[in-house]
C-alpha cells in the first residue's frame, strides 16, 4: 500500500479514460463493443454481445496480469468493468460533460 500524496487509484484513472479519451476516440462502449461483437460472431460462428466483449477483455487483462503484473492491466480491468456496466445500464455519454 502506498501513502504517496500523488497516488491516483486505478479506479479513478480508469474512469478518466472511459469517460474521457477512450469515449472521445471510440464512442460509447455499447456502440464500440457491438462492432467487436459482430466481428467475433462472424469469426467464431457464435453469437457475442457487447457485454461479452467487455467481460472477455477483463479476462484478457487478468491473463496478462498473471503473466506479468503491471498497473496498466489493473486500470484496464476497472475500465472494462465500467464499460460493461455502462452497457448493462445504458449509461449515456453525457456523464462528466461528454457528448
N, C-alpha and C. Protein backbone atom coordinates (compact mmCIF):
# COMPACT_ATOMS: atom_id res chain seq x y z
N UNK A 1 0.85 -1.18 0.00
CA UNK A 1 0.00 0.00 0.00
C UNK A 1 0.89 1.23 0.00
N UNK A 2 0.43 2.26 -0.68
CA UNK A 2 1.22 3.48 -0.77
C UNK A 2 0.49 4.65 -0.12
N UNK A 3 1.26 5.52 0.51
CA UNK A 3 0.71 6.73 1.11
C UNK A 3 1.12 7.96 0.33
N UNK A 4 1.64 7.76 -0.88
CA UNK A 4 2.12 8.88 -1.68
C UNK A 4 0.98 9.86 -1.96
N UNK A 5 1.23 11.16 -1.78
CA UNK A 5 0.18 12.17 -1.98
C UNK A 5 -0.28 12.26 -3.43
N UNK A 6 0.55 11.84 -4.38
CA UNK A 6 0.18 11.94 -5.79
C UNK A 6 -0.39 10.62 -6.33
N UNK A 7 -0.66 9.68 -5.44
CA UNK A 7 -1.20 8.38 -5.87
C UNK A 7 -2.62 8.55 -6.39
N UNK A 8 -2.89 7.99 -7.56
CA UNK A 8 -4.21 8.01 -8.16
C UNK A 8 -4.74 6.58 -8.20
N UNK A 9 -5.85 6.29 -7.52
CA UNK A 9 -6.39 4.94 -7.53
C UNK A 9 -6.67 4.47 -8.96
N UNK A 10 -6.48 3.17 -9.21
CA UNK A 10 -6.70 2.64 -10.56
C UNK A 10 -8.14 2.87 -11.01
N UNK A 11 -9.08 2.87 -10.07
CA UNK A 11 -10.47 3.12 -10.44
C UNK A 11 -10.68 4.52 -10.99
N UNK A 12 -10.00 5.49 -10.39
CA UNK A 12 -10.10 6.88 -10.87
C UNK A 12 -9.42 7.05 -12.22
N UNK A 13 -8.25 6.43 -12.37
CA UNK A 13 -7.55 6.50 -13.64
C UNK A 13 -8.41 5.87 -14.75
N UNK A 14 -9.00 4.72 -14.45
CA UNK A 14 -9.85 4.04 -15.43
C UNK A 14 -11.05 4.91 -15.80
N UNK A 15 -11.66 5.52 -14.80
CA UNK A 15 -12.81 6.37 -15.06
C UNK A 15 -12.47 7.55 -15.93
N UNK A 16 -11.30 8.15 -15.72
CA UNK A 16 -10.92 9.29 -16.55
C UNK A 16 -10.69 8.86 -17.99
N UNK A 17 -10.25 7.63 -18.20
CA UNK A 17 -10.07 7.12 -19.57
C UNK A 17 -11.40 6.76 -20.21
N UNK A 18 -12.22 6.02 -19.47
CA UNK A 18 -13.50 5.54 -20.00
C UNK A 18 -14.43 6.69 -20.37
N UNK A 19 -14.46 7.72 -19.54
CA UNK A 19 -15.34 8.86 -19.79
C UNK A 19 -14.63 10.00 -20.50
N UNK A 20 -13.34 9.83 -20.80
CA UNK A 20 -12.56 10.88 -21.43
C UNK A 20 -12.04 10.45 -22.79
N UNK A 21 -10.73 10.19 -22.85
CA UNK A 21 -10.06 9.90 -24.12
C UNK A 21 -10.70 8.74 -24.89
N UNK A 22 -10.95 7.62 -24.21
CA UNK A 22 -11.48 6.45 -24.93
C UNK A 22 -12.89 6.73 -25.45
N UNK A 23 -13.66 7.46 -24.67
CA UNK A 23 -15.01 7.79 -25.10
C UNK A 23 -14.97 8.70 -26.34
N UNK A 24 -14.06 9.67 -26.32
CA UNK A 24 -13.91 10.56 -27.48
C UNK A 24 -13.39 9.79 -28.70
N UNK A 25 -12.44 8.89 -28.48
CA UNK A 25 -11.81 8.17 -29.59
C UNK A 25 -12.71 7.09 -30.20
N UNK A 26 -13.46 6.38 -29.35
CA UNK A 26 -14.19 5.20 -29.83
C UNK A 26 -15.70 5.27 -29.66
N UNK A 27 -16.20 6.29 -28.99
CA UNK A 27 -17.63 6.41 -28.76
C UNK A 27 -18.09 5.59 -27.56
N UNK A 28 -19.39 5.52 -27.39
CA UNK A 28 -19.98 4.79 -26.27
C UNK A 28 -19.58 3.31 -26.36
N UNK A 29 -19.28 2.69 -25.21
CA UNK A 29 -18.89 1.28 -25.23
C UNK A 29 -19.89 0.36 -25.92
N UNK A 30 -21.19 0.67 -25.81
CA UNK A 30 -22.17 -0.20 -26.47
C UNK A 30 -21.94 -0.20 -27.98
N UNK A 31 -21.74 0.97 -28.56
CA UNK A 31 -21.51 1.07 -30.00
C UNK A 31 -20.18 0.43 -30.40
N UNK A 32 -19.14 0.77 -29.67
CA UNK A 32 -17.81 0.24 -29.96
C UNK A 32 -17.78 -1.28 -29.81
N UNK A 33 -18.29 -1.79 -28.70
CA UNK A 33 -18.22 -3.22 -28.44
C UNK A 33 -19.22 -4.01 -29.29
N UNK A 34 -20.26 -3.35 -29.78
CA UNK A 34 -21.19 -4.02 -30.72
C UNK A 34 -20.46 -4.37 -32.01
N UNK A 35 -19.60 -3.47 -32.48
CA UNK A 35 -18.81 -3.75 -33.68
C UNK A 35 -17.88 -4.93 -33.46
N UNK A 36 -17.20 -4.93 -32.31
CA UNK A 36 -16.29 -6.03 -31.99
C UNK A 36 -17.07 -7.33 -31.87
N UNK A 37 -18.22 -7.29 -31.22
CA UNK A 37 -19.05 -8.49 -31.07
C UNK A 37 -19.45 -9.05 -32.42
N UNK A 38 -19.76 -8.17 -33.36
CA UNK A 38 -20.14 -8.63 -34.70
C UNK A 38 -18.96 -9.32 -35.39
N UNK A 39 -17.77 -8.76 -35.27
CA UNK A 39 -16.58 -9.40 -35.85
C UNK A 39 -16.34 -10.76 -35.21
N UNK A 40 -16.38 -10.81 -33.87
CA UNK A 40 -16.13 -12.08 -33.18
C UNK A 40 -17.19 -13.11 -33.55
N UNK A 41 -18.44 -12.68 -33.65
CA UNK A 41 -19.53 -13.59 -34.00
C UNK A 41 -19.31 -14.19 -35.39
N UNK A 42 -18.92 -13.36 -36.33
CA UNK A 42 -18.66 -13.83 -37.68
C UNK A 42 -17.47 -14.79 -37.70
N UNK A 43 -16.42 -14.42 -37.01
CA UNK A 43 -15.20 -15.22 -36.99
C UNK A 43 -15.41 -16.59 -36.35
N UNK A 44 -16.12 -16.62 -35.22
CA UNK A 44 -16.29 -17.87 -34.46
C UNK A 44 -17.59 -18.62 -34.77
N UNK A 45 -18.54 -17.96 -35.43
CA UNK A 45 -19.82 -18.60 -35.69
C UNK A 45 -20.66 -18.79 -34.43
N UNK A 46 -20.38 -17.96 -33.45
CA UNK A 46 -21.09 -17.98 -32.16
C UNK A 46 -21.50 -16.55 -31.86
N UNK A 47 -22.71 -16.36 -31.35
CA UNK A 47 -23.20 -15.01 -31.09
C UNK A 47 -22.52 -14.40 -29.86
N UNK A 48 -21.91 -13.23 -30.03
CA UNK A 48 -21.33 -12.46 -28.94
C UNK A 48 -22.11 -11.17 -28.80
N UNK A 49 -22.19 -10.67 -27.57
CA UNK A 49 -22.87 -9.41 -27.28
C UNK A 49 -21.83 -8.37 -26.88
N UNK A 50 -22.21 -7.09 -26.86
CA UNK A 50 -21.28 -6.07 -26.37
C UNK A 50 -20.83 -6.36 -24.93
N UNK A 51 -21.73 -6.88 -24.11
CA UNK A 51 -21.36 -7.24 -22.73
C UNK A 51 -20.32 -8.35 -22.72
N UNK A 52 -20.47 -9.35 -23.61
CA UNK A 52 -19.48 -10.42 -23.72
C UNK A 52 -18.10 -9.85 -24.03
N UNK A 53 -18.05 -8.89 -24.94
CA UNK A 53 -16.77 -8.29 -25.32
C UNK A 53 -16.11 -7.65 -24.10
N UNK A 54 -16.86 -6.88 -23.34
CA UNK A 54 -16.30 -6.23 -22.15
C UNK A 54 -15.76 -7.26 -21.17
N UNK A 55 -16.53 -8.31 -20.92
CA UNK A 55 -16.11 -9.33 -19.96
C UNK A 55 -14.91 -10.13 -20.47
N UNK A 56 -14.88 -10.41 -21.76
CA UNK A 56 -13.74 -11.14 -22.32
C UNK A 56 -12.48 -10.28 -22.25
N UNK A 57 -12.62 -8.97 -22.42
CA UNK A 57 -11.46 -8.09 -22.30
C UNK A 57 -10.95 -8.05 -20.86
N UNK A 58 -11.86 -8.13 -19.89
CA UNK A 58 -11.44 -8.24 -18.49
C UNK A 58 -10.60 -9.51 -18.31
N UNK A 59 -11.08 -10.62 -18.89
CA UNK A 59 -10.34 -11.88 -18.77
C UNK A 59 -8.97 -11.79 -19.44
N UNK A 60 -8.90 -11.12 -20.59
CA UNK A 60 -7.61 -10.93 -21.26
C UNK A 60 -6.64 -10.18 -20.35
N UNK A 61 -7.12 -9.11 -19.74
CA UNK A 61 -6.26 -8.31 -18.87
C UNK A 61 -5.84 -9.09 -17.63
N UNK A 62 -6.72 -9.92 -17.09
CA UNK A 62 -6.36 -10.76 -15.94
C UNK A 62 -5.30 -11.78 -16.34
N UNK A 63 -5.43 -12.34 -17.54
CA UNK A 63 -4.44 -13.28 -18.04
C UNK A 63 -3.07 -12.61 -18.16
N UNK A 64 -3.06 -11.40 -18.69
CA UNK A 64 -1.80 -10.67 -18.81
C UNK A 64 -1.22 -10.34 -17.44
N UNK A 65 -2.09 -10.01 -16.50
CA UNK A 65 -1.65 -9.69 -15.14
C UNK A 65 -0.99 -10.90 -14.49
N UNK A 66 -1.53 -12.08 -14.76
CA UNK A 66 -0.95 -13.30 -14.19
C UNK A 66 0.44 -13.57 -14.77
N UNK A 67 0.65 -13.19 -16.03
CA UNK A 67 1.94 -13.41 -16.69
C UNK A 67 2.96 -12.36 -16.26
N UNK A 68 2.56 -11.09 -16.32
CA UNK A 68 3.46 -10.01 -15.96
C UNK A 68 2.65 -8.88 -15.32
N UNK A 69 2.65 -8.82 -14.00
CA UNK A 69 1.88 -7.80 -13.30
C UNK A 69 2.30 -6.37 -13.69
N UNK A 70 1.29 -5.58 -14.06
CA UNK A 70 1.51 -4.18 -14.40
C UNK A 70 0.29 -3.38 -13.99
N UNK A 71 0.51 -2.17 -13.57
CA UNK A 71 -0.60 -1.29 -13.19
C UNK A 71 -1.58 -1.13 -14.34
N UNK A 72 -1.08 -1.02 -15.56
CA UNK A 72 -1.94 -0.83 -16.72
C UNK A 72 -3.00 -1.93 -16.83
N UNK A 73 -2.64 -3.15 -16.53
CA UNK A 73 -3.61 -4.25 -16.56
C UNK A 73 -4.76 -4.00 -15.59
N UNK A 74 -4.42 -3.57 -14.40
CA UNK A 74 -5.44 -3.35 -13.38
C UNK A 74 -6.32 -2.15 -13.72
N UNK A 75 -5.73 -1.11 -14.29
CA UNK A 75 -6.50 0.05 -14.75
C UNK A 75 -7.50 -0.42 -15.81
N UNK A 76 -7.00 -1.22 -16.75
CA UNK A 76 -7.86 -1.69 -17.84
C UNK A 76 -8.96 -2.62 -17.34
N UNK A 77 -8.67 -3.47 -16.35
CA UNK A 77 -9.73 -4.31 -15.76
C UNK A 77 -10.86 -3.42 -15.24
N UNK A 78 -10.49 -2.39 -14.51
CA UNK A 78 -11.50 -1.46 -13.98
C UNK A 78 -12.24 -0.76 -15.12
N UNK A 79 -11.50 -0.35 -16.13
CA UNK A 79 -12.11 0.34 -17.26
C UNK A 79 -13.09 -0.54 -18.01
N UNK A 80 -12.71 -1.78 -18.29
CA UNK A 80 -13.62 -2.68 -18.99
C UNK A 80 -14.83 -3.04 -18.13
N UNK A 81 -14.63 -3.14 -16.82
CA UNK A 81 -15.77 -3.39 -15.92
C UNK A 81 -16.74 -2.21 -15.97
N UNK A 82 -16.22 -0.99 -15.99
CA UNK A 82 -17.07 0.19 -16.10
C UNK A 82 -17.79 0.22 -17.44
N UNK A 83 -17.08 -0.12 -18.51
CA UNK A 83 -17.72 -0.19 -19.83
C UNK A 83 -18.86 -1.20 -19.81
N UNK A 84 -18.63 -2.34 -19.21
CA UNK A 84 -19.67 -3.37 -19.11
C UNK A 84 -20.89 -2.84 -18.38
N UNK A 85 -20.66 -2.15 -17.28
CA UNK A 85 -21.78 -1.60 -16.51
C UNK A 85 -22.53 -0.53 -17.30
N UNK A 86 -21.79 0.30 -18.04
CA UNK A 86 -22.44 1.30 -18.89
C UNK A 86 -23.32 0.64 -19.94
N UNK A 87 -22.84 -0.48 -20.49
CA UNK A 87 -23.62 -1.22 -21.48
C UNK A 87 -24.89 -1.78 -20.83
N UNK A 88 -24.74 -2.42 -19.68
CA UNK A 88 -25.87 -3.04 -18.98
C UNK A 88 -26.92 -2.00 -18.61
N UNK A 89 -26.47 -0.87 -18.06
CA UNK A 89 -27.40 0.15 -17.58
C UNK A 89 -27.79 1.17 -18.64
N UNK A 90 -27.16 1.13 -19.79
CA UNK A 90 -27.46 2.11 -20.83
C UNK A 90 -27.05 3.51 -20.44
N UNK A 91 -25.94 3.63 -19.69
CA UNK A 91 -25.48 4.94 -19.24
C UNK A 91 -25.01 5.75 -20.44
N UNK A 92 -25.57 6.92 -20.66
CA UNK A 92 -25.24 7.73 -21.84
C UNK A 92 -23.88 8.40 -21.74
N UNK A 93 -23.46 8.98 -22.85
CA UNK A 93 -22.17 9.67 -22.92
C UNK A 93 -22.16 11.03 -22.25
N UNK A 94 -23.29 11.54 -21.80
CA UNK A 94 -23.34 12.89 -21.25
C UNK A 94 -22.75 12.99 -19.85
N UNK A 95 -22.30 11.87 -19.28
CA UNK A 95 -21.68 11.89 -17.96
C UNK A 95 -20.35 12.63 -18.04
N UNK A 96 -20.06 13.43 -17.04
CA UNK A 96 -18.83 14.18 -16.92
C UNK A 96 -18.59 15.07 -18.15
N UNK A 97 -19.66 15.63 -18.69
CA UNK A 97 -19.51 16.60 -19.76
C UNK A 97 -19.26 16.03 -21.13
N UNK A 98 -19.27 14.72 -21.28
CA UNK A 98 -19.04 14.12 -22.60
C UNK A 98 -20.32 14.11 -23.41
N UNK A 99 -20.20 14.28 -24.70
CA UNK A 99 -21.35 14.25 -25.60
C UNK A 99 -21.18 13.16 -26.63
